[in-house]
Amino acid sequence: MNLPIRPRRNRKNAALRALVRETILSPSNFILPLFVMEGKNEKSAIRSMPGVFRVSRDLVVAEAKRARKLGIPAVALFPVIADRKKDKRATESKNRDGLLQKTIRDLKNAVPEIAVITDVAMDPYSSDGHDGLVKSGSILNDETLPILADMALNQARAGADIVAPSDMMDGRVGYIRQALDKSGFTDTGILAYSAKYASAFYGPFREALDSAPKHGDKKTYQMDPANRREALREVKLDVAEGADMVMVKPALPYLDILSDIKTAVDVPVAAYHVSGEYAMIKAAGKLGWLDADKAMMESVLSIKRAGADMILTYAAVELAESLSS
């Protein structure tokens, strides 16, 4: 048959496939999320996230050292706060000797070469389980901003390299940027959860932190999954307010959004391969319905291909080990 153009020529062996590969996944693309709890040499399994644990501060340091040796450049910290320390105004988030602040200092002392990213939102500390201040069943936007700014400042003082507001309150990036700059933290970066959708894929994360809303849902501040153009509006607002990086969350159901944002802004773009995405691959693998390792790699590769410069994934260590082998 006369076929002058045969794309299969470029696929005939591993060497040629490697030569023409368009998207390269590297451990340097990963951010490892870690759930930190009180205690020493303690870890607690998360039922819905096989292979992921809540770990005490000393084990967070060990995990960070392991990640850095594999070429993973950053960790993202999420604190497990005891109910007795939660209140409506997330007061514990301002405690300079709080769990998160001590963990940041531990990491910067023991693994100074790894970047530390911290979550800025009220829900881990709030007795209401919402990302903003609740009054009469409503989440108040403007009244939440000073609380978030104090939280970000406290994290910056402890040594966080990047603060990551995940709350989706309007104007919070600019408010936090001004607060950081006014206090001398001009070098502390902001990774904005800019296109964060009201997703069904967050369930295992909320189990891990016991941070589910005590009433209602988060649809008045997180984005409607049906909306695409709105994501660009959110991202452009955050960049204009001073975001150094922006994020899409979740990743896999929103690859179209990720691609749109990559072409629309000139700051680095992150994507969060969230707990539900991780959990469903692990569950299907456990049932023998697919090869979980290969499916995880393919899923994260698709996130990179869609435009992510950095990917938060609970599979960061296992993927890095596979890529390094």
Protein backbone atom coordinates (compact mmCIF):
# COMPACT_ATOMS: atom_id res chain seq x y z
CA MET A 1 0.00 0.00 0.00
CA ASN A 2 1.32 3.45 -0.92
CA LEU A 3 1.31 5.36 2.40
CA PRO A 4 4.02 8.05 2.35
CA ILE A 5 2.92 9.30 5.77
CA ARG A 6 2.99 6.67 8.50
CA PRO A 7 2.82 8.10 12.05
CA ARG A 8 3.56 4.63 13.44
CA ARG A 9 7.20 5.00 12.33
CA ASN A 10 7.73 7.26 15.33
CA ARG A 11 6.33 4.63 17.70
CA LYS A 12 8.13 1.49 16.62
CA ASN A 13 10.42 1.22 19.67
CA ALA A 14 10.95 2.74 23.10
CA ALA A 15 13.88 4.89 21.99
CA LEU A 16 11.89 6.60 19.25
CA ARG A 17 8.88 7.05 21.48
CA ALA A 18 11.08 8.76 24.04
CA LEU A 19 12.65 10.94 21.35
CA VAL A 20 9.34 12.37 20.14
CA ARG A 21 7.54 12.53 23.50
CA GLU A 22 5.78 15.87 23.85
CA THR A 23 5.03 15.96 27.58
CA ILE A 24 7.67 15.06 30.16
CA LEU A 25 6.59 14.36 33.73
CA SER A 26 9.22 14.90 36.41
CA PRO A 27 9.34 14.73 40.22
CA SER A 28 10.11 18.45 40.06
CA ASN A 29 6.51 19.00 38.92
CA PHE A 30 5.05 17.59 42.15
CA ILE A 31 3.90 19.12 45.42
CA LEU A 32 3.30 16.60 48.20
CA PRO A 33 0.28 17.34 50.46
CA LEU A 34 0.81 16.26 54.07
CA PHE A 35 -1.72 16.01 56.90
CA VAL A 36 -0.05 16.93 60.19
CA MET A 37 -1.38 16.03 63.64
CA GLU A 38 -0.21 16.36 67.24
CA GLY A 39 1.95 13.67 68.81
CA LYS A 40 5.31 12.05 68.27
CA ASN A 41 6.12 9.14 65.98
CA GLU A 42 2.44 8.70 65.30
CA LYS A 43 0.51 8.04 62.10
CA SER A 44 -3.17 7.48 61.54
CA ALA A 45 -4.58 5.85 58.41
CA ILE A 46 -7.22 7.68 56.39
CA ARG A 47 -9.85 5.09 55.53
CA SER A 48 -10.82 6.55 52.16
CA MET A 49 -7.25 7.30 51.01
CA PRO A 50 -5.23 4.06 50.95
CA GLY A 51 -1.55 4.73 51.56
CA VAL A 52 -2.10 8.25 52.94
CA PHE A 53 -1.80 9.03 56.66
CA ARG A 54 -2.17 11.79 59.18
CA VAL A 55 1.32 12.07 60.66
CA SER A 56 2.91 13.77 63.65
CA ARG A 57 5.38 16.62 63.21
CA ASP A 58 8.49 14.45 63.39
CA LEU A 59 7.13 12.17 60.69
CA VAL A 60 6.25 15.17 58.53
CA VAL A 61 9.95 16.02 58.61
CA ALA A 62 10.82 12.44 57.64
CA GLU A 63 8.31 12.52 54.77
CA ALA A 64 9.71 15.84 53.55
CA LYS A 65 13.28 14.50 53.60
CA ARG A 66 12.17 11.45 51.63
CA ALA A 67 10.32 13.62 49.11
CA ARG A 68 13.28 15.96 48.63
CA LYS A 69 15.66 13.06 47.99
CA LEU A 70 13.31 11.96 45.21
CA GLY A 71 13.43 15.41 43.62
CA ILE A 72 10.06 16.70 44.87
CA PRO A 73 10.62 20.41 45.58
CA ALA A 74 7.67 21.30 47.82
CA VAL A 75 5.20 20.11 50.43
CA ALA A 76 1.76 21.53 51.23
CA LEU A 77 0.70 21.33 54.88
CA PHE A 78 -2.81 20.73 56.21
CA PRO A 79 -3.23 20.65 60.01
CA VAL A 80 -5.58 18.34 61.89
CA ILE A 81 -7.01 20.59 64.61
CA ALA A 82 -8.71 19.17 67.71
CA ASP A 83 -12.38 20.11 68.10
CA ARG A 84 -11.68 21.74 71.47
CA LYS A 85 -9.43 24.28 69.67
CA LYS A 86 -12.01 25.22 67.04
CA ASP A 87 -14.28 28.24 67.26
CA LYS A 88 -16.33 30.44 64.95
CA ARG A 89 -13.43 32.83 64.24
CA ALA A 90 -10.67 30.21 63.72
CA THR A 91 -8.72 31.76 66.59
CA GLU A 92 -6.25 28.86 66.77
CA SER A 93 -4.94 29.81 63.32
CA LYS A 94 -3.29 32.87 64.92
CA ASN A 95 -1.49 30.86 67.61
CA ARG A 96 2.23 31.40 66.99
CA ASP A 97 2.93 28.13 68.77
CA GLY A 98 0.15 26.25 67.04
CA LEU A 99 0.55 22.87 65.34
CA LEU A 100 1.03 24.28 61.86
CA GLN A 101 3.47 26.98 62.93
CA LYS A 102 5.66 24.52 64.83
CA THR A 103 5.63 22.16 61.86
CA ILE A 104 6.74 24.93 59.50
CA ARG A 105 9.65 25.76 61.80
CA ASP A 106 10.57 22.08 62.08
CA LEU A 107 10.70 21.77 58.30
CA LYS A 108 12.66 24.95 57.71
CA ASN A 109 15.23 23.83 60.30
CA ALA A 110 15.52 20.21 59.15
CA VAL A 111 14.90 20.44 55.40
CA PRO A 112 15.60 24.08 54.48
CA GLU A 113 15.89 23.25 50.78
CA ILE A 114 12.24 22.18 50.46
CA ALA A 115 9.55 24.78 49.81
CA VAL A 116 6.76 24.92 52.40
CA ILE A 117 3.26 25.83 51.22
CA THR A 118 0.52 26.50 53.76
CA ASP A 119 -3.25 26.49 53.42
CA VAL A 120 -5.11 29.72 54.20
CA ALA A 121 -8.76 28.99 54.98
CA MET A 122 -10.88 28.89 58.08
CA ASP A 123 -12.36 25.39 57.72
CA PRO A 124 -9.65 23.36 59.56
CA TYR A 125 -9.98 25.74 62.54
CA SER A 126 -13.67 26.63 62.35
CA SER A 127 -16.36 25.10 64.53
CA ASP A 128 -18.70 25.70 61.57
CA GLY A 129 -16.49 23.84 59.09
CA HIS A 130 -16.72 26.63 56.51
CA ASP A 131 -13.97 28.57 54.77
CA GLY A 132 -15.41 31.89 55.94
CA LEU A 133 -17.03 33.49 58.95
CA VAL A 134 -20.61 32.27 59.41
CA LYS A 135 -23.44 34.46 60.68
CA SER A 136 -27.10 33.43 60.64
CA GLY A 137 -26.30 30.68 58.16
CA SER A 138 -24.52 32.98 55.68
CA ILE A 139 -20.79 33.02 54.91
CA LEU A 140 -19.61 36.61 55.26
CA ASN A 141 -17.06 37.69 52.68
CA ASP A 142 -15.57 41.00 53.82
CA GLU A 143 -15.56 40.10 57.51
CA THR A 144 -13.55 36.96 56.69
CA LEU A 145 -10.68 38.80 54.99
CA PRO A 146 -8.94 40.13 58.15
CA ILE A 147 -9.07 36.61 59.64
CA LEU A 148 -7.41 35.18 56.54
CA ALA A 149 -4.79 37.93 56.50
CA ASP A 150 -3.89 37.26 60.16
CA MET A 151 -3.66 33.55 59.37
CA ALA A 152 -1.35 34.17 56.39
CA LEU A 153 0.83 36.52 58.42
CA ASN A 154 1.20 33.96 61.17
CA GLN A 155 2.25 31.33 58.64
CA ALA A 156 4.73 33.72 57.03
CA ARG A 157 6.27 34.57 60.41
CA ALA A 158 6.79 30.85 61.04
CA GLY A 159 8.69 30.55 57.76
CA ALA A 160 6.20 29.54 55.06
CA ASP A 161 7.58 30.14 51.60
CA ILE A 162 4.15 30.33 49.97
CA VAL A 163 0.71 30.92 51.47
CA ALA A 164 -2.17 29.39 49.56
CA PRO A 165 -5.61 30.92 50.12
CA SER A 166 -8.14 28.18 49.32
CA ASP A 167 -11.23 29.90 50.69
CA MET A 168 -12.62 31.54 47.50
CA MET A 169 -13.63 34.76 49.26
CA ASP A 170 -13.71 37.73 46.88
CA GLY A 171 -10.73 40.07 47.24
CA ARG A 172 -8.76 37.87 49.60
CA VAL A 173 -5.58 37.74 47.48
CA GLY A 174 -5.20 41.52 47.43
CA TYR A 175 -6.03 41.79 51.13
CA ILE A 176 -3.44 39.14 52.04
CA ARG A 177 -0.82 40.66 49.71
CA GLN A 178 -1.21 44.06 51.34
CA ALA A 179 -1.00 42.57 54.83
CA LEU A 180 2.13 40.58 53.98
CA ASP A 181 3.86 43.54 52.34
CA LYS A 182 2.95 45.92 55.15
CA SER A 183 4.55 43.53 57.65
CA GLY A 184 7.73 43.10 55.62
CA PHE A 185 6.95 39.72 54.04
CA THR A 186 7.37 40.93 50.49
CA ASP A 187 9.14 37.69 49.50
CA THR A 188 6.35 35.41 50.71
CA GLY A 189 4.53 34.10 47.65
CA ILE A 190 0.81 33.58 47.13
CA LEU A 191 -0.54 30.49 45.39
CA ALA A 192 -4.21 31.30 44.88
CA TYR A 193 -6.82 28.57 44.64
CA SER A 194 -8.39 30.65 41.87
CA ALA A 195 -10.69 28.19 40.09
CA LYS A 196 -11.87 26.02 42.96
CA TYR A 197 -15.07 24.20 42.18
CA ALA A 198 -17.82 23.00 44.51
CA SER A 199 -16.87 19.41 43.78
CA ALA A 200 -17.97 15.98 44.94
CA PHE A 201 -14.33 14.86 44.84
CA TYR A 202 -13.30 16.42 48.19
CA GLY A 203 -14.88 13.83 50.48
CA PRO A 204 -11.76 11.93 51.57
CA PHE A 205 -9.92 15.21 52.31
CA ARG A 206 -12.71 16.32 54.61
CA GLU A 207 -12.53 12.97 56.37
CA ALA A 208 -8.78 13.43 56.83
CA LEU A 209 -9.19 16.83 58.53
CA ASP A 210 -12.67 16.36 59.98
CA SER A 211 -13.49 19.68 58.32
CA ALA A 212 -16.82 19.07 56.60
CA PRO A 213 -19.36 21.90 56.97
CA LYS A 214 -21.56 21.46 60.02
CA HIS A 215 -24.48 22.83 58.03
CA GLY A 216 -25.19 23.81 54.45
CA ASP A 217 -22.64 23.53 51.66
CA LYS A 218 -19.93 25.64 50.02
CA LYS A 219 -21.77 26.52 46.82
CA THR A 220 -22.10 30.23 47.61
CA TYR A 221 -18.32 30.66 47.42
CA GLN A 222 -16.85 27.71 45.51
CA MET A 223 -17.51 27.67 41.77
CA ASP A 224 -20.38 25.99 39.92
CA PRO A 225 -18.99 22.95 38.04
CA ALA A 226 -21.03 24.00 35.00
CA ASN A 227 -19.09 27.26 34.53
CA ARG A 228 -16.07 27.72 32.30
CA ARG A 229 -15.76 31.45 31.50
CA GLU A 230 -16.15 32.32 35.17
CA ALA A 231 -12.88 30.51 35.93
CA LEU A 232 -10.97 32.91 33.68
CA ARG A 233 -12.57 35.85 35.46
CA GLU A 234 -11.57 34.48 38.85
CA VAL A 235 -8.00 33.80 37.75
CA LYS A 236 -7.50 37.21 36.17
CA LEU A 237 -8.82 38.93 39.30
CA ASP A 238 -6.38 36.98 41.49
CA VAL A 239 -3.43 37.79 39.22
CA ALA A 240 -4.39 41.48 39.25
CA GLU A 241 -4.52 41.36 43.07
CA GLY A 242 -0.99 39.96 43.30
CA ALA A 243 -1.17 36.17 43.03
CA ASP A 244 2.23 34.72 42.09
CA MET A 245 0.68 31.40 41.02
CA VAL A 246 -2.88 30.24 40.39
CA MET A 247 -4.58 26.88 40.82
CA VAL A 248 -7.35 24.76 39.36
CA LYS A 249 -9.06 22.36 41.77
CA PRO A 250 -9.98 19.55 41.15
CA ALA A 251 -7.79 18.60 38.20
CA LEU A 252 -9.09 15.68 36.11
CA PRO A 253 -12.74 16.77 35.70
CA TYR A 254 -11.52 20.28 34.82
CA LEU A 255 -8.72 19.75 32.30
CA ASP A 256 -10.52 22.08 29.87
CA ILE A 257 -10.40 24.82 32.52
CA LEU A 258 -6.74 24.13 33.16
CA SER A 259 -5.94 24.44 29.45
CA ASP A 260 -7.91 27.70 29.17
CA ILE A 261 -6.11 29.22 32.14
CA LYS A 262 -2.66 28.17 30.93
CA THR A 263 -3.15 30.19 27.75
CA ALA A 264 -4.81 33.15 29.51
CA VAL A 265 -2.25 34.11 32.16
CA ASP A 266 1.51 34.50 32.38
CA VAL A 267 1.99 33.21 35.94
CA PRO A 268 2.67 29.55 36.83
CA VAL A 269 -0.41 27.34 36.93
CA ALA A 270 -0.99 24.59 39.50
CA ALA A 271 -3.57 21.83 39.54
CA TYR A 272 -4.73 19.81 42.53
CA HIS A 273 -5.14 16.09 41.89
CA VAL A 274 -7.58 15.87 44.77
CA SER A 275 -8.39 13.20 47.32
CA GLY A 276 -11.39 11.77 45.47
CA GLU A 277 -9.43 11.44 42.24
CA TYR A 278 -6.66 9.62 44.08
CA ALA A 279 -9.08 7.44 46.06
CA MET A 280 -11.10 6.17 43.10
CA ILE A 281 -7.97 4.99 41.28
CA LYS A 282 -6.72 3.22 44.40
CA ALA A 283 -10.13 1.63 45.00
CA ALA A 284 -10.41 0.37 41.42
CA GLY A 285 -6.89 -1.02 41.65
CA LYS A 286 -7.68 -2.82 44.90
CA LEU A 287 -10.68 -4.46 43.21
CA GLY A 288 -8.51 -5.55 40.31
CA TRP A 289 -10.44 -3.47 37.80
CA LEU A 290 -7.35 -1.65 36.53
CA ASP A 291 -3.62 -1.29 37.12
CA ALA A 292 -3.64 1.48 39.73
CA ASP A 293 0.02 2.40 39.26
CA LYS A 294 -0.31 2.84 35.51
CA ALA A 295 -3.66 4.63 35.84
CA MET A 296 -2.22 7.04 38.41
CA MET A 297 0.74 7.87 36.17
CA GLU A 298 -1.51 8.35 33.13
CA SER A 299 -3.90 10.57 35.09
CA VAL A 300 -1.17 12.86 36.40
CA LEU A 301 0.50 12.96 32.97
CA SER A 302 -2.78 14.19 31.51
CA ILE A 303 -2.80 17.04 34.05
CA LYS A 304 0.69 18.07 32.98
CA ARG A 305 -0.26 17.77 29.30
CA ALA A 306 -3.28 20.03 29.84
CA GLY A 307 -1.00 22.80 31.09
CA ALA A 308 -0.12 22.38 34.77
CA ASP A 309 3.32 23.61 35.75
CA MET A 310 2.97 22.00 39.18
CA ILE A 311 0.68 19.28 40.49
CA LEU A 312 -0.42 18.67 44.05
CA THR A 313 -0.94 14.93 44.33
CA TYR A 314 -1.06 12.41 47.16
CA ALA A 315 0.72 10.02 44.80
CA ALA A 316 3.76 12.31 44.53
CA VAL A 317 6.18 9.95 46.29
CA GLU A 318 5.12 6.77 44.50
CA LEU A 319 5.13 8.56 41.14
CA ALA A 320 8.56 10.06 41.80
CA GLU A 321 9.91 6.64 42.74
CA SER A 322 8.52 5.18 39.52
CA LEU A 323 9.93 8.00 37.40
CA SER A 324 13.33 7.62 39.04
CA SER A 325 13.55 3.85 38.61
